């Protein structure tokens, strides 16, 4: 057993690159923690069960590797998200599989690995996201035969280039050899100033240089937006930028809260209904602010 001081300022500065107040995970966990930490070897007697109806999705790295072997996967590409899956995400994932087939792989398998730990208060809770992901598979937006959905149990630190290394290395342990990385991975807006906390390309650059990631092929995230001329999500073409509509997460949440439909082709109908139902389940508090969901 090891007992050592919890040097909070140093931990925060080294992890986030700033000690600015307002960092979500810092305020949720580190600030409230005690001044001493304990460590040492950990022996796991049996798998942890949450008994929340989602344990069937909590596959360990060993179980994931066994599942990929059972499906005869010759490539595994991982996609992490903490939001509901829209058709832009699906386009990126299906296009990645197409590219891997063109590279000569026979049976690439997608690991859809939604974050299962702490997320910010304005993110959709895990239980509702998993319902939405199931509808995406039921509606055929993603192929159940070539997709494995499993919860990644880590909390979200929103620590940008530092955190994305953890995300990538964890996927190697799970059996992935390709990892899709977008702009500003694990990033967020600055908690005080009106700017992003990290450079949008910093995460990808760090992954290309970080020790221990040589076995993981980094796949750049192609930008998808709603193509008004085709009424569907498509890869953004800067030569006709006026034809595209970018629907942010904030805009998506606002539409769902107001029970308004997004443009046809933005998200599968079944998945959108789950999102609307979640926001409809939120109960106003005495001062009119929405603060919690009624259990489904």
Protein backbone atom coordinates (compact mmCIF):
# COMPACT_ATOMS: atom_id res chain seq x y z
CA UNK A 1 0.00 0.00 0.00
CA UNK A 2 1.23 3.48 -0.87
CA UNK A 3 -0.01 6.65 0.85
CA UNK A 4 0.99 10.02 -0.53
CA UNK A 5 -0.04 13.66 -0.54
CA UNK A 6 -2.74 14.75 -2.97
CA UNK A 7 -1.00 17.70 -4.63
CA UNK A 8 -4.11 19.01 -6.30
CA UNK A 9 -2.63 22.08 -7.98
CA UNK A 10 0.18 20.07 -9.58
CA UNK A 11 -2.21 17.31 -10.67
CA UNK A 12 -4.58 19.82 -12.27
CA UNK A 13 -1.80 21.80 -13.96
CA UNK A 14 -0.12 18.70 -15.42
CA UNK A 15 -3.38 17.13 -16.61
CA UNK A 16 -5.24 20.15 -18.01
CA UNK A 17 -2.40 22.57 -18.71
CA UNK A 18 -4.23 25.23 -16.71
CA UNK A 19 -5.49 25.84 -13.19
CA UNK A 20 -8.32 28.12 -14.29
CA UNK A 21 -11.47 27.69 -12.18
CA UNK A 22 -14.50 26.04 -13.73
CA UNK A 23 -12.99 22.82 -15.12
CA UNK A 24 -15.92 20.36 -14.81
CA UNK A 25 -14.12 17.21 -13.63
CA UNK A 26 -11.86 19.20 -11.30
CA UNK A 27 -14.82 20.78 -9.55
CA UNK A 28 -16.77 17.51 -9.50
CA UNK A 29 -14.02 15.25 -8.16
CA UNK A 30 -10.59 16.70 -7.41
CA UNK A 31 -11.52 19.84 -5.49
CA UNK A 32 -13.86 17.85 -3.24
CA UNK A 33 -11.32 15.09 -2.61
CA UNK A 34 -9.18 14.78 0.50
CA UNK A 35 -5.54 15.75 0.86
CA UNK A 36 -4.17 12.19 0.87
CA UNK A 37 -4.27 9.41 -1.73
CA UNK A 38 -3.83 5.67 -1.39
CA UNK A 39 -2.51 3.31 -4.05
CA UNK A 40 -1.04 -0.12 -4.57
CA UNK A 41 -1.79 -3.44 -6.24
CA UNK A 42 -5.47 -4.12 -6.83
CA UNK A 43 -6.89 -7.63 -6.93
CA UNK A 44 -10.28 -7.92 -8.62
CA UNK A 45 -12.19 -10.88 -7.20
CA UNK A 46 -15.11 -10.70 -9.63
CA UNK A 47 -16.43 -8.28 -12.28
CA UNK A 48 -18.15 -5.17 -10.95
CA UNK A 49 -21.89 -5.09 -11.60
CA UNK A 50 -23.95 -1.90 -11.57
CA UNK A 51 -27.37 -3.61 -11.80
CA UNK A 52 -28.71 -0.70 -13.85
CA UNK A 53 -29.84 -2.70 -16.87
CA UNK A 54 -26.66 -1.86 -18.79
CA UNK A 55 -24.23 -4.49 -17.48
CA UNK A 56 -24.61 -6.50 -20.70
CA UNK A 57 -22.85 -3.62 -22.46
CA UNK A 58 -19.94 -3.47 -20.01
CA UNK A 59 -17.47 -5.77 -21.73
CA UNK A 60 -13.95 -6.04 -20.35
CA UNK A 61 -10.95 -5.82 -22.71
CA UNK A 62 -10.66 -9.62 -22.60
CA UNK A 63 -14.36 -10.03 -23.41
CA UNK A 64 -14.08 -7.54 -26.28
CA UNK A 65 -11.13 -9.40 -27.78
CA UNK A 66 -13.10 -12.64 -27.52
CA UNK A 67 -16.07 -11.02 -29.26
CA UNK A 68 -13.88 -9.75 -32.10
CA UNK A 69 -12.36 -13.20 -32.49
CA UNK A 70 -15.82 -14.78 -32.54
CA UNK A 71 -16.79 -12.42 -35.36
CA UNK A 72 -13.60 -13.23 -37.30
CA UNK A 73 -12.48 -9.60 -37.31
CA UNK A 74 -9.23 -8.90 -39.10
CA UNK A 75 -9.37 -5.19 -38.18
CA UNK A 76 -11.08 -3.33 -35.34
CA UNK A 77 -11.73 0.40 -35.55
CA UNK A 78 -12.88 2.26 -32.45
CA UNK A 79 -15.13 5.30 -32.22
CA UNK A 80 -15.68 7.06 -28.90
CA UNK A 81 -18.50 9.48 -28.26
CA UNK A 82 -20.40 11.01 -25.37
CA UNK A 83 -23.35 12.18 -27.47
CA UNK A 84 -26.25 10.50 -29.27
CA UNK A 85 -25.30 9.06 -32.67
CA UNK A 86 -26.48 11.18 -35.59
CA UNK A 87 -26.15 10.29 -39.25
CA UNK A 88 -22.94 12.29 -39.57
CA UNK A 89 -21.30 9.99 -37.03
CA UNK A 90 -22.74 6.99 -38.85
CA UNK A 91 -21.42 8.26 -42.19
CA UNK A 92 -17.94 8.54 -40.74
CA UNK A 93 -18.06 5.03 -39.28
CA UNK A 94 -19.45 3.35 -42.40
CA UNK A 95 -17.00 5.24 -44.61
CA UNK A 96 -14.14 4.09 -42.38
CA UNK A 97 -15.21 0.49 -42.87
CA UNK A 98 -15.34 1.05 -46.62
CA UNK A 99 -11.80 2.44 -46.57
CA UNK A 100 -10.53 -0.53 -44.57
CA UNK A 101 -12.12 -2.94 -47.05
CA UNK A 102 -10.38 -1.07 -49.87
CA UNK A 103 -7.11 -1.49 -47.96
CA UNK A 104 -7.56 -5.25 -48.19
CA UNK A 105 -9.17 -6.16 -44.87
CA UNK A 106 -11.92 -8.76 -45.18
CA UNK A 107 -14.03 -8.14 -42.08
CA UNK A 108 -13.41 -4.84 -40.23
CA UNK A 109 -15.48 -4.58 -37.05
CA UNK A 110 -16.59 -1.30 -35.48
CA UNK A 111 -16.19 -0.86 -31.73
CA UNK A 112 -18.76 1.78 -30.79
CA UNK A 113 -17.42 2.72 -27.38
CA UNK A 114 -19.57 5.38 -25.65
CA UNK A 115 -18.21 6.99 -22.52
CA UNK A 116 -19.80 5.53 -19.39
CA UNK A 117 -18.35 7.56 -16.52
CA UNK A 118 -18.82 11.15 -15.39
CA UNK A 119 -19.91 13.69 -18.00
CA UNK A 120 -21.01 17.32 -17.74
CA UNK A 121 -24.51 18.06 -16.51
CA UNK A 122 -25.69 19.17 -19.96
CA UNK A 123 -24.65 15.88 -21.61
CA UNK A 124 -27.33 13.23 -22.22
CA UNK A 125 -27.12 10.57 -19.46
CA UNK A 126 -25.65 7.16 -20.29
CA UNK A 127 -28.89 5.17 -19.94
CA UNK A 128 -30.64 7.36 -22.51
CA UNK A 129 -27.66 7.36 -24.86
CA UNK A 130 -27.59 3.56 -24.81
CA UNK A 131 -31.30 3.46 -25.70
CA UNK A 132 -30.58 5.81 -28.58
CA UNK A 133 -27.63 3.72 -29.78
CA UNK A 134 -29.82 0.61 -29.77
CA UNK A 135 -32.35 2.39 -32.00
CA UNK A 136 -29.56 3.35 -34.41
CA UNK A 137 -28.77 -0.35 -34.79
CA UNK A 138 -32.44 -1.35 -34.97
CA UNK A 139 -33.07 1.21 -37.72
CA UNK A 140 -30.13 -0.15 -39.71
CA UNK A 141 -28.09 3.04 -39.65
CA UNK A 142 -25.22 0.90 -38.36
CA UNK A 143 -24.97 -2.81 -39.16
CA UNK A 144 -25.40 -4.97 -36.02
CA UNK A 145 -23.36 -7.73 -37.69
CA UNK A 146 -20.27 -5.54 -37.96
CA UNK A 147 -20.76 -3.36 -34.86
CA UNK A 148 -19.94 -4.12 -31.23
CA UNK A 149 -21.44 -1.66 -28.72
CA UNK A 150 -19.69 -1.57 -25.37
CA UNK A 151 -19.53 1.00 -22.57
CA UNK A 152 -16.13 2.58 -21.93
CA UNK A 153 -16.29 3.03 -18.12
CA UNK A 154 -13.93 6.00 -17.86
CA UNK A 155 -15.10 9.40 -16.59
CA UNK A 156 -14.76 12.32 -18.98
CA UNK A 157 -12.04 14.71 -17.85
CA UNK A 158 -12.31 17.17 -20.78
CA UNK A 159 -8.50 17.30 -20.63
CA UNK A 160 -7.83 17.46 -24.36
CA UNK A 161 -4.42 16.24 -25.60
CA UNK A 162 -3.56 14.58 -22.28
CA UNK A 163 -6.81 12.67 -22.02
CA UNK A 164 -6.89 11.53 -25.65
CA UNK A 165 -3.72 9.50 -25.03
CA UNK A 166 -5.55 7.56 -22.32
CA UNK A 167 -8.51 7.03 -24.64
CA UNK A 168 -6.25 5.70 -27.38
CA UNK A 169 -4.15 3.39 -25.19
CA UNK A 170 -7.26 1.94 -23.56
CA UNK A 171 -8.58 0.99 -27.02
CA UNK A 172 -5.35 -0.88 -27.80
CA UNK A 173 -5.98 -2.98 -24.68
CA UNK A 174 -9.49 -3.67 -25.97
CA UNK A 175 -8.14 -5.03 -29.26
CA UNK A 176 -8.53 -2.04 -31.57
CA UNK A 177 -5.86 -1.31 -34.16
CA UNK A 178 -7.55 1.72 -35.74
CA UNK A 179 -8.86 4.75 -33.84
CA UNK A 180 -10.99 7.56 -35.28
CA UNK A 181 -9.94 10.96 -33.92
CA UNK A 182 -11.70 14.24 -34.61
CA UNK A 183 -10.99 17.91 -34.09
CA UNK A 184 -10.21 18.98 -30.52
CA UNK A 185 -10.59 15.47 -29.03
CA UNK A 186 -11.68 15.52 -25.38
CA UNK A 187 -11.60 19.31 -25.53
CA UNK A 188 -14.00 21.98 -24.34
CA UNK A 189 -14.47 25.70 -24.25
CA UNK A 190 -12.26 27.68 -21.88
CA UNK A 191 -14.07 27.92 -18.53
CA UNK A 192 -13.47 31.68 -18.25
CA UNK A 193 -12.52 33.09 -21.65
CA UNK A 194 -14.53 32.92 -24.87
CA UNK A 195 -12.24 30.52 -26.74
CA UNK A 196 -11.43 26.83 -26.97
CA UNK A 197 -9.21 25.53 -24.21
CA UNK A 198 -6.97 23.58 -26.63
CA UNK A 199 -5.79 23.92 -30.21
CA UNK A 200 -8.13 21.89 -32.43
CA UNK A 201 -5.29 19.84 -33.97
CA UNK A 202 -3.21 19.37 -30.82
CA UNK A 203 -4.79 16.03 -29.90
CA UNK A 204 -4.04 14.42 -33.27
CA UNK A 205 -0.46 15.69 -33.20
CA UNK A 206 0.12 14.32 -29.70
CA UNK A 207 -1.22 10.91 -30.71
CA UNK A 208 1.17 10.75 -33.65
CA UNK A 209 4.14 11.26 -31.31
CA UNK A 210 3.09 9.65 -28.01
CA UNK A 211 5.13 6.62 -26.86
CA UNK A 212 3.24 3.33 -26.74
CA UNK A 213 0.82 4.14 -29.56
CA UNK A 214 2.87 2.71 -32.41
CA UNK A 215 0.44 -0.21 -32.81
CA UNK A 216 -2.57 2.07 -33.23
CA UNK A 217 -3.38 3.59 -36.60
CA UNK A 218 -4.92 7.04 -36.19
CA UNK A 219 -7.74 7.80 -38.63
CA UNK A 220 -8.48 11.53 -39.01
CA UNK A 221 -12.10 12.55 -38.44
CA UNK A 222 -13.61 13.86 -41.69
CA UNK A 223 -16.03 16.73 -41.13
CA UNK A 224 -19.66 15.89 -41.91
CA UNK A 225 -22.51 18.37 -42.15
CA UNK A 226 -26.09 18.45 -43.38
CA UNK A 227 -26.18 18.77 -47.17
CA UNK A 228 -29.29 20.80 -47.97
CA UNK A 229 -29.16 19.83 -51.66
CA UNK A 230 -29.36 16.10 -50.83
CA UNK A 231 -31.32 16.30 -47.56
CA UNK A 232 -28.81 14.12 -45.75
CA UNK A 233 -25.54 14.19 -43.85
CA UNK A 234 -22.51 14.28 -46.13
CA UNK A 235 -18.83 15.10 -45.97
CA UNK A 236 -18.33 18.85 -46.07
CA UNK A 237 -17.29 20.27 -49.43
CA UNK A 238 -15.73 23.73 -48.97
CA UNK A 239 -16.25 24.52 -52.66
CA UNK A 240 -19.99 24.73 -52.01
CA UNK A 241 -20.05 25.70 -48.36
CA UNK A 242 -23.38 27.50 -48.81
CA UNK A 243 -25.10 24.13 -49.35
CA UNK A 244 -24.17 22.81 -45.90
CA UNK A 245 -25.73 23.31 -42.50
CA UNK A 246 -23.76 22.63 -39.31
CA UNK A 247 -26.01 21.43 -36.49
CA UNK A 248 -24.10 21.72 -33.22
CA UNK A 249 -24.76 19.67 -30.12
CA UNK A 250 -26.28 22.77 -28.53
CA UNK A 251 -28.64 23.21 -31.48
CA UNK A 252 -29.54 19.51 -31.44
CA UNK A 253 -30.38 19.63 -27.73
CA UNK A 254 -32.47 22.78 -28.20
CA UNK A 255 -34.52 21.13 -30.96
CA UNK A 256 -35.13 18.04 -28.83
CA UNK A 257 -36.09 20.09 -25.77
CA UNK A 258 -38.63 22.02 -27.84
CA UNK A 259 -39.95 18.81 -29.45
CA UNK A 260 -38.95 20.13 -32.86
CA UNK A 261 -37.69 17.83 -35.58
CA UNK A 262 -34.26 18.26 -37.14
CA UNK A 263 -33.95 18.25 -40.94
CA UNK A 264 -34.84 14.91 -42.53
CA UNK A 265 -31.75 12.74 -42.69
CA UNK A 266 -29.97 14.23 -39.68
CA UNK A 267 -30.76 11.35 -37.30
CA UNK A 268 -32.78 8.16 -37.63
CA UNK A 269 -36.40 8.66 -36.47
CA UNK A 270 -36.18 6.05 -33.71
CA UNK A 271 -33.05 7.60 -32.27
CA UNK A 272 -34.54 11.10 -32.36
CA UNK A 273 -37.66 9.92 -30.52
CA UNK A 274 -35.47 8.64 -27.68
CA UNK A 275 -33.76 12.02 -27.43
CA UNK A 276 -37.07 13.91 -27.38
CA UNK A 277 -38.43 11.50 -24.77
CA UNK A 278 -35.41 12.14 -22.55
CA UNK A 279 -35.87 15.91 -22.57
CA UNK A 280 -39.61 15.47 -22.13
CA UNK A 281 -38.90 13.42 -18.99
CA UNK A 282 -37.01 16.26 -17.32
CA UNK A 283 -39.00 17.86 -14.53
CA UNK A 284 -38.90 21.63 -13.87
CA UNK A 285 -37.77 22.66 -10.39
CA UNK A 286 -39.52 25.33 -8.35
CA UNK A 287 -37.61 28.13 -10.06
CA UNK A 288 -38.44 26.80 -13.51
CA UNK A 289 -35.03 25.31 -14.28
CA UNK A 290 -34.90 21.77 -15.63
CA UNK A 291 -32.76 19.69 -13.32
CA UNK A 292 -33.48 15.96 -13.33
CA UNK A 293 -35.03 13.17 -15.34
CA UNK A 294 -37.91 10.99 -14.28
CA UNK A 295 -36.69 7.35 -14.40
CA UNK A 296 -37.78 5.65 -17.62
